[in-house]
């Protein structure tokens, strides 16, 4: 039975991913930042499926929060890490972007990925087995939408980080890959995108619709299965044809 840590798991892709692993009755570590109610719901649903679930709270937008969370993880023996926590936080043009926004965006979407992976990898190396999936974004390929280049910069870097981690850790039996969702119908876009923007996204997506959290979660789960045994360091695009690598 594997122990699976999913960051940002109180809603959206993280919550759907938790349900995927609950079906294999994994021991789940459900990270959340502020939405404890959502995390409790995810944990309850997982427990119905026979999975154990523990809630872990941390604010990953600050160095102190990310490092403190990483320190607590050292007491857990984690077999699967899904680095899903992330947010646009806000939209700002270059000339108007507050330095605090830039720093918080980088910490949440990029630096926390590093600190968390660094904390859990020693157990995987010792066991000679492990799975890490970092969640990127199509924004990392195309620069993002209006005022989103800080977020896009981080997501592009996550793909590069994934490749570097995979090269280092593959000899130790650890699979590291990345999933880059396109425009997914989640709370993210309810907060940061207008209805007009979403209609534009759909119009520019060959599939003609937004993606779902479940469709993304299925790819994440696949990358952590034996069926993906020879896949290392890849960024898998889940975007309905919005971007072709």
C-alpha atoms as a PDB file:
ATOM      1  CA  UNK A   1       0.000   0.000   0.000  1.00  0.00           C
ATOM      2  CA  UNK A   2       1.523   3.289  -1.137  1.00  0.00           C
ATOM      3  CA  UNK A   3       1.570   6.555   0.771  1.00  0.00           C
ATOM      4  CA  UNK A   4       0.628   9.415  -1.536  1.00  0.00           C
ATOM      5  CA  UNK A   5       1.081  13.132  -0.861  1.00  0.00           C
ATOM      6  CA  UNK A   6      -1.026  15.463  -2.992  1.00  0.00           C
ATOM      7  CA  UNK A   7      -0.503  19.172  -2.519  1.00  0.00           C
ATOM      8  CA  UNK A   8      -3.366  21.545  -3.213  1.00  0.00           C
ATOM      9  CA  UNK A   9      -5.844  18.694  -2.838  1.00  0.00           C
ATOM     10  CA  UNK A  10      -8.888  20.448  -1.394  1.00  0.00           C
ATOM     11  CA  UNK A  11     -10.494  20.994  -4.812  1.00  0.00           C
ATOM     12  CA  UNK A  12     -10.034  20.700  -8.568  1.00  0.00           C
ATOM     13  CA  UNK A  13      -7.285  18.533 -10.029  1.00  0.00           C
ATOM     14  CA  UNK A  14      -5.819  17.733  -6.619  1.00  0.00           C
ATOM     15  CA  UNK A  15      -9.145  16.486  -5.272  1.00  0.00           C
ATOM     16  CA  UNK A  16      -9.775  14.393  -8.380  1.00  0.00           C
ATOM     17  CA  UNK A  17      -6.287  12.912  -8.111  1.00  0.00           C
ATOM     18  CA  UNK A  18      -6.935  11.957  -4.498  1.00  0.00           C
ATOM     19  CA  UNK A  19      -9.987  10.004  -5.631  1.00  0.00           C
ATOM     20  CA  UNK A  20      -7.900   8.139  -8.227  1.00  0.00           C
ATOM     21  CA  UNK A  21      -5.468   6.967  -5.577  1.00  0.00           C
ATOM     22  CA  UNK A  22      -8.266   6.249  -3.127  1.00  0.00           C
ATOM     23  CA  UNK A  23      -9.480   3.573  -5.530  1.00  0.00           C
ATOM     24  CA  UNK A  24      -6.200   1.735  -4.968  1.00  0.00           C
ATOM     25  CA  UNK A  25      -6.718   2.234  -1.216  1.00  0.00           C
ATOM     26  CA  UNK A  26      -3.545   4.273  -0.834  1.00  0.00           C
ATOM     27  CA  UNK A  27      -2.674   6.108   2.355  1.00  0.00           C
ATOM     28  CA  UNK A  28      -3.391   9.714   1.412  1.00  0.00           C
ATOM     29  CA  UNK A  29      -1.798  12.882   2.717  1.00  0.00           C
ATOM     30  CA  UNK A  30      -4.152  15.689   1.711  1.00  0.00           C
ATOM     31  CA  UNK A  31      -2.453  19.077   1.724  1.00  0.00           C
ATOM     32  CA  UNK A  32      -4.475  22.288   1.762  1.00  0.00           C
ATOM     33  CA  UNK A  33      -3.773  25.954   2.416  1.00  0.00           C
ATOM     34  CA  UNK A  34      -7.012  27.645   3.506  1.00  0.00           C
ATOM     35  CA  UNK A  35      -9.900  25.408   2.405  1.00  0.00           C
ATOM     36  CA  UNK A  36     -10.042  22.940   5.278  1.00  0.00           C
ATOM     37  CA  UNK A  37     -13.682  22.161   4.551  1.00  0.00           C
ATOM     38  CA  UNK A  38     -12.829  21.103   1.017  1.00  0.00           C
ATOM     39  CA  UNK A  39      -9.938  18.975   2.247  1.00  0.00           C
ATOM     40  CA  UNK A  40     -12.184  17.284   4.801  1.00  0.00           C
ATOM     41  CA  UNK A  41     -14.684  16.453   2.073  1.00  0.00           C
ATOM     42  CA  UNK A  42     -11.942  14.948  -0.100  1.00  0.00           C
ATOM     43  CA  UNK A  43     -10.682  12.892   2.847  1.00  0.00           C
ATOM     44  CA  UNK A  44     -14.190  11.655   3.687  1.00  0.00           C
ATOM     45  CA  UNK A  45     -14.791  10.575   0.087  1.00  0.00           C
ATOM     46  CA  UNK A  46     -11.472   8.730   0.054  1.00  0.00           C
ATOM     47  CA  UNK A  47     -12.288   6.950   3.295  1.00  0.00           C
ATOM     48  CA  UNK A  48     -15.568   5.698   1.825  1.00  0.00           C
ATOM     49  CA  UNK A  49     -13.443   3.975  -0.827  1.00  0.00           C
ATOM     50  CA  UNK A  50     -11.357   2.298   1.882  1.00  0.00           C
ATOM     51  CA  UNK A  51      -8.413   4.681   1.840  1.00  0.00           C
ATOM     52  CA  UNK A  52      -6.825   6.291   4.880  1.00  0.00           C
ATOM     53  CA  UNK A  53      -6.502  10.072   4.677  1.00  0.00           C
ATOM     54  CA  UNK A  54      -4.629  12.621   6.777  1.00  0.00           C
ATOM     55  CA  UNK A  55      -4.913  16.387   6.386  1.00  0.00           C
ATOM     56  CA  UNK A  56      -1.801  18.565   6.250  1.00  0.00           C
ATOM     57  CA  UNK A  57      -2.074  22.368   6.248  1.00  0.00           C
ATOM     58  CA  UNK A  58       0.618  24.705   4.950  1.00  0.00           C
ATOM     59  CA  UNK A  59       0.911  28.088   3.275  1.00  0.00           C
ATOM     60  CA  UNK A  60       3.301  27.494   0.376  1.00  0.00           C
ATOM     61  CA  UNK A  61       3.408  31.121  -0.772  1.00  0.00           C
ATOM     62  CA  UNK A  62       6.139  31.970   1.756  1.00  0.00           C
ATOM     63  CA  UNK A  63       9.629  30.577   2.233  1.00  0.00           C
ATOM     64  CA  UNK A  64       8.924  29.985   5.909  1.00  0.00           C
ATOM     65  CA  UNK A  65       5.725  28.098   5.158  1.00  0.00           C
ATOM     66  CA  UNK A  66       7.246  25.943   2.418  1.00  0.00           C
ATOM     67  CA  UNK A  67      10.321  25.048   4.449  1.00  0.00           C
ATOM     68  CA  UNK A  68       8.303  24.294   7.589  1.00  0.00           C
ATOM     69  CA  UNK A  69       6.029  22.006   5.569  1.00  0.00           C
ATOM     70  CA  UNK A  70       9.012  20.268   4.015  1.00  0.00           C
ATOM     71  CA  UNK A  71      10.426  19.673   7.491  1.00  0.00           C
ATOM     72  CA  UNK A  72       7.205  17.992   8.670  1.00  0.00           C
ATOM     73  CA  UNK A  73       7.260  15.710   5.634  1.00  0.00           C
ATOM     74  CA  UNK A  74      10.547  14.180   6.720  1.00  0.00           C
ATOM     75  CA  UNK A  75       8.623  12.172   9.333  1.00  0.00           C
ATOM     76  CA  UNK A  76       6.444  10.584   6.632  1.00  0.00           C
ATOM     77  CA  UNK A  77       7.572   7.818   4.293  1.00  0.00           C
ATOM     78  CA  UNK A  78       6.067   9.023   1.034  1.00  0.00           C
ATOM     79  CA  UNK A  79       6.040   6.774  -2.026  1.00  0.00           C
ATOM     80  CA  UNK A  80       4.185   9.059  -4.442  1.00  0.00           C
ATOM     81  CA  UNK A  81       4.398  12.849  -4.590  1.00  0.00           C
ATOM     82  CA  UNK A  82       1.968  14.919  -6.641  1.00  0.00           C
ATOM     83  CA  UNK A  83       3.166  18.535  -6.664  1.00  0.00           C
ATOM     84  CA  UNK A  84      -0.163  20.075  -7.609  1.00  0.00           C
ATOM     85  CA  UNK A  85      -0.429  23.186  -5.422  1.00  0.00           C
ATOM     86  CA  UNK A  86      -0.358  26.339  -7.491  1.00  0.00           C
ATOM     87  CA  UNK A  87      -2.226  29.492  -8.365  1.00  0.00           C
ATOM     88  CA  UNK A  88      -2.118  32.512 -10.618  1.00  0.00           C
ATOM     89  CA  UNK A  89      -2.666  34.564  -7.416  1.00  0.00           C
ATOM     90  CA  UNK A  90      -3.533  37.595  -9.548  1.00  0.00           C
ATOM     91  CA  UNK A  91      -3.112  39.196 -12.973  1.00  0.00           C
ATOM     92  CA  UNK A  92      -0.551  41.985 -13.305  1.00  0.00           C
ATOM     93  CA  UNK A  93       1.117  43.650 -16.269  1.00  0.00           C
ATOM     94  CA  UNK A  94       4.886  43.937 -16.225  1.00  0.00           C
ATOM     95  CA  UNK A  95       5.057  47.651 -15.396  1.00  0.00           C
ATOM     96  CA  UNK A  96       2.491  47.361 -12.614  1.00  0.00           C
ATOM     97  CA  UNK A  97       3.482  44.067 -10.983  1.00  0.00           C
ATOM     98  CA  UNK A  98       4.244  44.362  -7.239  1.00  0.00           C
ATOM     99  CA  UNK A  99       7.462  42.640  -6.233  1.00  0.00           C
ATOM    100  CA  UNK A 100       5.529  40.751  -3.554  1.00  0.00           C
ATOM    101  CA  UNK A 101       3.303  39.216  -6.219  1.00  0.00           C
ATOM    102  CA  UNK A 102       6.327  38.036  -8.198  1.00  0.00           C
ATOM    103  CA  UNK A 103       7.961  36.486  -5.110  1.00  0.00           C
ATOM    104  CA  UNK A 104       4.791  34.759  -3.848  1.00  0.00           C
ATOM    105  CA  UNK A 105       4.017  33.383  -7.301  1.00  0.00           C
ATOM    106  CA  UNK A 106       7.490  31.903  -7.650  1.00  0.00           C
ATOM    107  CA  UNK A 107       7.419  30.442  -4.148  1.00  0.00           C
ATOM    108  CA  UNK A 108       4.057  28.724  -4.584  1.00  0.00           C
ATOM    109  CA  UNK A 109       4.399  27.505  -8.146  1.00  0.00           C
ATOM    110  CA  UNK A 110       8.107  26.670  -8.364  1.00  0.00           C
ATOM    111  CA  UNK A 111      10.171  26.877  -5.180  1.00  0.00           C
ATOM    112  CA  UNK A 112       7.740  24.832  -3.085  1.00  0.00           C
ATOM    113  CA  UNK A 113       8.009  22.044  -5.681  1.00  0.00           C
ATOM    114  CA  UNK A 114      11.746  21.909  -5.033  1.00  0.00           C
ATOM    115  CA  UNK A 115      11.535  22.027  -1.238  1.00  0.00           C
ATOM    116  CA  UNK A 116       8.843  19.369  -1.028  1.00  0.00           C
ATOM    117  CA  UNK A 117      10.604  17.015  -3.443  1.00  0.00           C
ATOM    118  CA  UNK A 118      13.873  17.492  -1.574  1.00  0.00           C
ATOM    119  CA  UNK A 119      12.159  16.434   1.657  1.00  0.00           C
ATOM    120  CA  UNK A 120      10.511  13.248   0.365  1.00  0.00           C
ATOM    121  CA  UNK A 121      13.159  11.922  -2.037  1.00  0.00           C
ATOM    122  CA  UNK A 122      15.508  10.363   0.565  1.00  0.00           C
ATOM    123  CA  UNK A 123      12.878   7.736   1.455  1.00  0.00           C
ATOM    124  CA  UNK A 124      12.316   6.952  -2.223  1.00  0.00           C
ATOM    125  CA  UNK A 125      16.066   6.583  -2.800  1.00  0.00           C
ATOM    126  CA  UNK A 126      16.350   4.280   0.192  1.00  0.00           C
ATOM    127  CA  UNK A 127      13.447   2.186  -1.098  1.00  0.00           C
ATOM    128  CA  UNK A 128      14.782   2.326  -4.685  1.00  0.00           C
ATOM    129  CA  UNK A 129      11.307   3.206  -5.898  1.00  0.00           C
ATOM    130  CA  UNK A 130       9.121   6.278  -6.114  1.00  0.00           C
ATOM    131  CA  UNK A 131       6.927   8.445  -8.281  1.00  0.00           C
ATOM    132  CA  UNK A 132       6.828  12.229  -8.593  1.00  0.00           C
ATOM    133  CA  UNK A 133       4.429  14.116 -10.842  1.00  0.00           C
ATOM    134  CA  UNK A 134       4.771  17.873 -11.021  1.00  0.00           C
ATOM    135  CA  UNK A 135       1.773  19.784 -12.335  1.00  0.00           C
ATOM    136  CA  UNK A 136       2.711  22.391 -14.896  1.00  0.00           C
ATOM    137  CA  UNK A 137       0.452  24.260 -17.300  1.00  0.00           C
ATOM    138  CA  UNK A 138      -0.011  25.087 -20.950  1.00  0.00           C
ATOM    139  CA  UNK A 139       0.934  28.596 -19.777  1.00  0.00           C
ATOM    140  CA  UNK A 140       4.488  27.316 -19.442  1.00  0.00           C
ATOM    141  CA  UNK A 141       4.448  26.652 -23.189  1.00  0.00           C
ATOM    142  CA  UNK A 142       2.705  29.763 -24.507  1.00  0.00           C
ATOM    143  CA  UNK A 143       3.466  32.452 -21.903  1.00  0.00           C
ATOM    144  CA  UNK A 144      -0.007  32.469 -20.353  1.00  0.00           C
ATOM    145  CA  UNK A 145      -2.955  34.786 -20.691  1.00  0.00           C
ATOM    146  CA  UNK A 146      -3.140  38.509 -19.920  1.00  0.00           C
ATOM    147  CA  UNK A 147      -1.119  39.458 -16.846  1.00  0.00           C
ATOM    148  CA  UNK A 148      -0.137  35.844 -16.153  1.00  0.00           C
ATOM    149  CA  UNK A 149       3.502  35.760 -17.222  1.00  0.00           C
ATOM    150  CA  UNK A 150       4.827  35.318 -13.662  1.00  0.00           C
ATOM    151  CA  UNK A 151       2.736  32.163 -13.332  1.00  0.00           C
ATOM    152  CA  UNK A 152       3.694  31.058 -16.844  1.00  0.00           C
ATOM    153  CA  UNK A 153       7.381  31.561 -16.077  1.00  0.00           C
ATOM    154  CA  UNK A 154       7.090  29.237 -13.083  1.00  0.00           C
ATOM    155  CA  UNK A 155       5.243  26.565 -15.032  1.00  0.00           C
ATOM    156  CA  UNK A 156       7.850  26.614 -17.773  1.00  0.00           C
ATOM    157  CA  UNK A 157      10.520  26.195 -15.126  1.00  0.00           C
ATOM    158  CA  UNK A 158       8.610  23.277 -13.587  1.00  0.00           C
ATOM    159  CA  UNK A 159       8.989  21.384 -16.866  1.00  0.00           C
ATOM    160  CA  UNK A 160      12.756  22.026 -16.833  1.00  0.00           C
ATOM    161  CA  UNK A 161      12.960  21.059 -13.157  1.00  0.00           C
ATOM    162  CA  UNK A 162      11.144  17.829 -13.971  1.00  0.00           C
ATOM    163  CA  UNK A 163      13.714  16.895 -16.608  1.00  0.00           C
ATOM    164  CA  UNK A 164      16.627  17.628 -14.279  1.00  0.00           C
ATOM    165  CA  UNK A 165      15.075  15.657 -11.428  1.00  0.00           C
ATOM    166  CA  UNK A 166      14.326  12.725 -13.738  1.00  0.00           C
ATOM    167  CA  UNK A 167      17.924  12.529 -14.958  1.00  0.00           C
ATOM    168  CA  UNK A 168      19.219  12.467 -11.402  1.00  0.00           C
ATOM    169  CA  UNK A 169      16.643  10.156  -9.872  1.00  0.00           C
ATOM    170  CA  UNK A 170      15.869   7.621 -12.622  1.00  0.00           C
ATOM    171  CA  UNK A 171      18.924   5.495 -11.733  1.00  0.00           C
ATOM    172  CA  UNK A 172      17.508   5.262  -8.199  1.00  0.00           C
ATOM    173  CA  UNK A 173      14.234   3.796  -9.504  1.00  0.00           C
ATOM    174  CA  UNK A 174      12.256   7.020  -9.189  1.00  0.00           C
ATOM    175  CA  UNK A 175       9.924   8.152 -11.964  1.00  0.00           C
ATOM    176  CA  UNK A 176       9.635  11.939 -12.328  1.00  0.00           C
ATOM    177  CA  UNK A 177       7.235  13.397 -14.880  1.00  0.00           C
ATOM    178  CA  UNK A 178       5.078  16.463 -15.407  1.00  0.00           C
ATOM    179  CA  UNK A 179       1.478  16.967 -16.494  1.00  0.00           C
ATOM    180  CA  UNK A 180       0.629  20.275 -18.190  1.00  0.00           C
ATOM    181  CA  UNK A 181      -3.129  20.914 -18.175  1.00  0.00           C
ATOM    182  CA  UNK A 182      -4.733  23.299 -20.627  1.00  0.00           C
ATOM    183  CA  UNK A 183      -7.848  25.203 -19.635  1.00  0.00           C
ATOM    184  CA  UNK A 184      -9.583  23.009 -17.071  1.00  0.00           C
ATOM    185  CA  UNK A 185     -13.014  23.756 -15.626  1.00  0.00           C
ATOM    186  CA  UNK A 186     -11.969  24.349 -12.020  1.00  0.00           C
ATOM    187  CA  UNK A 187     -12.252  27.011  -9.318  1.00  0.00           C
ATOM    188  CA  UNK A 188      -9.001  28.463 -10.742  1.00  0.00           C
ATOM    189  CA  UNK A 189     -10.812  29.913 -13.747  1.00  0.00           C
ATOM    190  CA  UNK A 190     -13.893  30.844 -11.745  1.00  0.00           C
ATOM    191  CA  UNK A 191     -11.584  33.165  -9.796  1.00  0.00           C
ATOM    192  CA  UNK A 192      -9.162  34.402 -12.451  1.00  0.00           C
ATOM    193  CA  UNK A 193     -11.003  34.256 -15.795  1.00  0.00           C
ATOM    194  CA  UNK A 194     -14.102  36.054 -17.007  1.00  0.00           C
ATOM    195  CA  UNK A 195     -16.891  34.223 -18.874  1.00  0.00           C
ATOM    196  CA  UNK A 196     -15.726  36.004 -22.026  1.00  0.00           C
ATOM    197  CA  UNK A 197     -12.178  34.696 -21.532  1.00  0.00           C
ATOM    198  CA  UNK A 198     -13.447  31.152 -21.047  1.00  0.00           C
ATOM    199  CA  UNK A 199     -15.495  31.370 -24.244  1.00  0.00           C
ATOM    200  CA  UNK A 200     -12.366  32.503 -26.060  1.00  0.00           C
ATOM    201  CA  UNK A 201     -10.381  29.604 -24.611  1.00  0.00           C
ATOM    202  CA  UNK A 202     -13.033  27.147 -25.786  1.00  0.00           C
ATOM    203  CA  UNK A 203     -13.125  28.703 -29.248  1.00  0.00           C
ATOM    204  CA  UNK A 204      -9.348  28.264 -29.562  1.00  0.00           C
ATOM    205  CA  UNK A 205      -9.351  24.664 -28.300  1.00  0.00           C
ATOM    206  CA  UNK A 206      -9.742  22.111 -31.105  1.00  0.00           C
ATOM    207  CA  UNK A 207     -11.709  19.822 -28.779  1.00  0.00           C
ATOM    208  CA  UNK A 208     -14.271  22.625 -28.456  1.00  0.00           C
ATOM    209  CA  UNK A 209     -14.610  22.461 -24.679  1.00  0.00           C
ATOM    210  CA  UNK A 210     -12.788  22.906 -21.403  1.00  0.00           C
ATOM    211  CA  UNK A 211     -11.107  19.925 -19.796  1.00  0.00           C
ATOM    212  CA  UNK A 212     -12.122  18.320 -16.520  1.00  0.00           C
ATOM    213  CA  UNK A 213     -10.172  17.693 -13.347  1.00  0.00           C
ATOM    214  CA  UNK A 214     -10.854  13.989 -13.709  1.00  0.00           C
ATOM    215  CA  UNK A 215      -9.297  13.861 -17.174  1.00  0.00           C
ATOM    216  CA  UNK A 216      -6.128  15.406 -15.804  1.00  0.00           C
ATOM    217  CA  UNK A 217      -6.113  13.204 -12.709  1.00  0.00           C
ATOM    218  CA  UNK A 218      -6.343  10.082 -14.866  1.00  0.00           C
ATOM    219  CA  UNK A 219      -3.097  11.036 -16.609  1.00  0.00           C
ATOM    220  CA  UNK A 220      -1.395  11.722 -13.278  1.00  0.00           C
ATOM    221  CA  UNK A 221      -2.463   8.326 -11.954  1.00  0.00           C
ATOM    222  CA  UNK A 222      -1.278   6.641 -15.154  1.00  0.00           C
ATOM    223  CA  UNK A 223       2.189   8.155 -14.773  1.00  0.00           C
ATOM    224  CA  UNK A 224       2.359   6.620 -11.297  1.00  0.00           C
ATOM    225  CA  UNK A 225       1.402   3.147 -12.527  1.00  0.00           C
ATOM    226  CA  UNK A 226       3.330   0.189 -13.921  1.00  0.00           C
ATOM    227  CA  UNK A 227       1.882   1.006 -17.339  1.00  0.00           C
ATOM    228  CA  UNK A 228       4.180   4.052 -17.445  1.00  0.00           C
ATOM    229  CA  UNK A 229       7.267   2.127 -16.369  1.00  0.00           C
ATOM    230  CA  UNK A 230       9.473   3.495 -19.164  1.00  0.00           C
ATOM    231  CA  UNK A 231       8.368   7.121 -19.049  1.00  0.00           C
ATOM    232  CA  UNK A 232      10.814   9.518 -17.412  1.00  0.00           C
ATOM    233  CA  UNK A 233      11.205  13.300 -17.493  1.00  0.00           C
ATOM    234  CA  UNK A 234       8.275  13.968 -19.799  1.00  0.00           C
ATOM    235  CA  UNK A 235       5.750  16.786 -19.785  1.00  0.00           C
ATOM    236  CA  UNK A 236       2.420  15.338 -20.879  1.00  0.00           C
ATOM    237  CA  UNK A 237       0.077  17.902 -22.424  1.00  0.00           C
ATOM    238  CA  UNK A 238      -3.585  17.544 -21.400  1.00  0.00           C
ATOM    239  CA  UNK A 239      -5.166  20.424 -23.277  1.00  0.00           C
ATOM    240  CA  UNK A 240      -7.687  19.323 -25.897  1.00  0.00           C
ATOM    241  CA  UNK A 241      -5.308  20.335 -28.687  1.00  0.00           C
ATOM    242  CA  UNK A 242      -4.860  23.901 -27.443  1.00  0.00           C
ATOM    243  CA  UNK A 243      -1.111  23.482 -27.737  1.00  0.00           C
ATOM    244  CA  UNK A 244       0.892  20.951 -29.720  1.00  0.00           C
ATOM    245  CA  UNK A 245       4.434  20.272 -28.469  1.00  0.00           C
END
